[in-house]
Amino acid sequence: MYANADSFKITVNGLGGHGATPQVTHDPIIASASLIQQIQTIVSRSVSPLDSAVVTLGAYNAGTVFNVIPKAELKGTFRTYTQEVRYSSQAS
């Protein structure tokens, strides 16, 4: 009747720094942007088309000022109807 609902939080830490010297940092914004795109393929590449699953990214936060390279945080949910899909997708 109800879907399983699991929440997740991912923190992407890099080597932050000042926006004037991005070459000496490991920018978590770039890494998390790539991660966001990859998360969108979890259902299409890990769950059978005959089963039902949804991954939703509901929050993306990174930094508070315009000239400092920060850490990034993503929050979302993963919903399934069966325990088999729920647990097999977590192992992927």
C-alpha atoms as a PDB file:
ATOM      1  CA  MET A   1       0.000   0.000   0.000  1.00  0.00           C
ATOM      2  CA  TYR A   2       2.790   2.437   0.907  1.00  0.00           C
ATOM      3  CA  ALA A   3       6.229   2.717  -0.628  1.00  0.00           C
ATOM      4  CA  ASN A   4       9.421   2.235   1.348  1.00  0.00           C
ATOM      5  CA  ALA A   5      11.032   5.636   1.835  1.00  0.00           C
ATOM      6  CA  ASP A   6      14.717   5.924   2.659  1.00  0.00           C
ATOM      7  CA  SER A   7      16.453   9.265   2.992  1.00  0.00           C
ATOM      8  CA  PHE A   8      20.097  10.023   2.388  1.00  0.00           C
ATOM      9  CA  LYS A   9      22.599  12.827   2.860  1.00  0.00           C
ATOM     10  CA  ILE A  10      25.869  13.054   0.938  1.00  0.00           C
ATOM     11  CA  THR A  11      28.594  15.517   1.870  1.00  0.00           C
ATOM     12  CA  VAL A  12      31.211  16.219  -0.784  1.00  0.00           C
ATOM     13  CA  ASN A  13      34.412  17.551   0.748  1.00  0.00           C
ATOM     14  CA  GLY A  14      37.200  18.825  -1.413  1.00  0.00           C
ATOM     15  CA  LEU A  15      40.185  20.969  -0.733  1.00  0.00           C
ATOM     16  CA  GLY A  16      38.474  24.324  -0.571  1.00  0.00           C
ATOM     17  CA  GLY A  17      40.067  27.665  -1.079  1.00  0.00           C
ATOM     18  CA  HIS A  18      39.643  31.111  -2.504  1.00  0.00           C
ATOM     19  CA  GLY A  19      37.921  31.691  -5.826  1.00  0.00           C
ATOM     20  CA  ALA A  20      40.965  33.626  -7.040  1.00  0.00           C
ATOM     21  CA  THR A  21      43.095  30.451  -6.958  1.00  0.00           C
ATOM     22  CA  PRO A  22      40.853  27.585  -8.109  1.00  0.00           C
ATOM     23  CA  GLN A  23      43.841  25.711  -9.543  1.00  0.00           C
ATOM     24  CA  VAL A  24      45.031  24.828  -6.032  1.00  0.00           C
ATOM     25  CA  THR A  25      41.678  23.455  -4.864  1.00  0.00           C
ATOM     26  CA  HIS A  26      39.687  20.284  -5.381  1.00  0.00           C
ATOM     27  CA  ASP A  27      36.317  21.839  -6.108  1.00  0.00           C
ATOM     28  CA  PRO A  28      33.410  19.938  -4.502  1.00  0.00           C
ATOM     29  CA  ILE A  29      30.908  21.887  -6.624  1.00  0.00           C
ATOM     30  CA  ILE A  30      32.275  20.327  -9.822  1.00  0.00           C
ATOM     31  CA  ALA A  31      32.394  16.871  -8.204  1.00  0.00           C
ATOM     32  CA  SER A  32      28.880  17.134  -6.805  1.00  0.00           C
ATOM     33  CA  ALA A  33      27.489  18.341 -10.152  1.00  0.00           C
ATOM     34  CA  SER A  34      28.810  15.143 -11.726  1.00  0.00           C
ATOM     35  CA  LEU A  35      27.433  13.104  -8.826  1.00  0.00           C
ATOM     36  CA  ILE A  36      23.973  14.620  -9.318  1.00  0.00           C
ATOM     37  CA  GLN A  37      23.971  13.468 -12.944  1.00  0.00           C
ATOM     38  CA  GLN A  38      25.104   9.969 -11.960  1.00  0.00           C
ATOM     39  CA  ILE A  39      22.451   9.649  -9.223  1.00  0.00           C
ATOM     40  CA  GLN A  40      19.815  10.183 -11.893  1.00  0.00           C
ATOM     41  CA  THR A  41      20.926   6.929 -13.580  1.00  0.00           C
ATOM     42  CA  ILE A  42      20.560   4.708 -10.496  1.00  0.00           C
ATOM     43  CA  VAL A  43      17.003   3.635 -11.251  1.00  0.00           C
ATOM     44  CA  SER A  44      17.467   3.263 -15.000  1.00  0.00           C
ATOM     45  CA  ARG A  45      20.618   1.159 -14.631  1.00  0.00           C
ATOM     46  CA  SER A  46      20.036  -0.707 -11.356  1.00  0.00           C
ATOM     47  CA  VAL A  47      16.311  -1.476 -11.242  1.00  0.00           C
ATOM     48  CA  SER A  48      14.373  -3.643 -13.665  1.00  0.00           C
ATOM     49  CA  PRO A  49      11.858  -1.716 -15.794  1.00  0.00           C
ATOM     50  CA  LEU A  50       9.239  -4.126 -14.427  1.00  0.00           C
ATOM     51  CA  ASP A  51       9.826  -2.880 -10.871  1.00  0.00           C
ATOM     52  CA  SER A  52       9.171   0.544  -9.419  1.00  0.00           C
ATOM     53  CA  ALA A  53      11.708   2.869  -7.810  1.00  0.00           C
ATOM     54  CA  VAL A  54      12.303   6.607  -7.574  1.00  0.00           C
ATOM     55  CA  VAL A  55      15.374   8.582  -6.528  1.00  0.00           C
ATOM     56  CA  THR A  56      14.741  12.234  -5.733  1.00  0.00           C
ATOM     57  CA  LEU A  57      17.335  14.869  -4.906  1.00  0.00           C
ATOM     58  CA  GLY A  58      15.478  17.472  -2.905  1.00  0.00           C
ATOM     59  CA  ALA A  59      18.257  19.688  -1.564  1.00  0.00           C
ATOM     60  CA  TYR A  60      21.647  20.868  -2.782  1.00  0.00           C
ATOM     61  CA  ASN A  61      23.613  23.295  -0.633  1.00  0.00           C
ATOM     62  CA  ALA A  62      27.123  24.557  -1.189  1.00  0.00           C
ATOM     63  CA  GLY A  63      28.701  27.581   0.376  1.00  0.00           C
ATOM     64  CA  THR A  64      27.377  30.947   1.451  1.00  0.00           C
ATOM     65  CA  VAL A  65      29.680  33.443  -0.244  1.00  0.00           C
ATOM     66  CA  PHE A  66      30.621  34.091  -3.862  1.00  0.00           C
ATOM     67  CA  ASN A  67      34.409  33.853  -3.647  1.00  0.00           C
ATOM     68  CA  VAL A  68      35.158  30.815  -1.456  1.00  0.00           C
ATOM     69  CA  ILE A  69      35.161  27.236  -2.693  1.00  0.00           C
ATOM     70  CA  PRO A  70      33.041  25.353  -0.109  1.00  0.00           C
ATOM     71  CA  LYS A  71      31.902  21.831   0.690  1.00  0.00           C
ATOM     72  CA  ALA A  72      28.682  20.582  -0.898  1.00  0.00           C
ATOM     73  CA  GLU A  73      25.761  18.672   0.582  1.00  0.00           C
ATOM     74  CA  LEU A  74      23.010  16.743  -1.206  1.00  0.00           C
ATOM     75  CA  LYS A  75      19.855  15.339   0.389  1.00  0.00           C
ATOM     76  CA  GLY A  76      17.257  13.101  -1.116  1.00  0.00           C
ATOM     77  CA  THR A  77      14.996  10.074  -0.931  1.00  0.00           C
ATOM     78  CA  PHE A  78      14.880   6.635  -2.488  1.00  0.00           C
ATOM     79  CA  ARG A  79      11.440   5.023  -2.748  1.00  0.00           C
ATOM     80  CA  THR A  80      10.540   1.460  -3.667  1.00  0.00           C
ATOM     81  CA  TYR A  81       7.511  -0.814  -3.316  1.00  0.00           C
ATOM     82  CA  THR A  82       9.242  -4.123  -2.662  1.00  0.00           C
ATOM     83  CA  GLN A  83      11.899  -5.119  -0.163  1.00  0.00           C
ATOM     84  CA  GLU A  84      13.792  -6.940  -2.933  1.00  0.00           C
ATOM     85  CA  VAL A  85      14.285  -3.748  -4.949  1.00  0.00           C
ATOM     86  CA  ARG A  86      14.989  -1.750  -1.821  1.00  0.00           C
ATOM     87  CA  TYR A  87      17.826  -3.977  -0.644  1.00  0.00           C
ATOM     88  CA  SER A  88      19.276  -4.901  -4.038  1.00  0.00           C
ATOM     89  CA  SER A  89      19.505  -1.215  -4.983  1.00  0.00           C
ATOM     90  CA  GLN A  90      21.259  -0.326  -1.724  1.00  0.00           C
ATOM     91  CA  ALA A  91      23.910  -2.924  -2.464  1.00  0.00           C
ATOM     92  CA  SER A  92      24.593  -1.517  -5.940  1.00  0.00           C
END
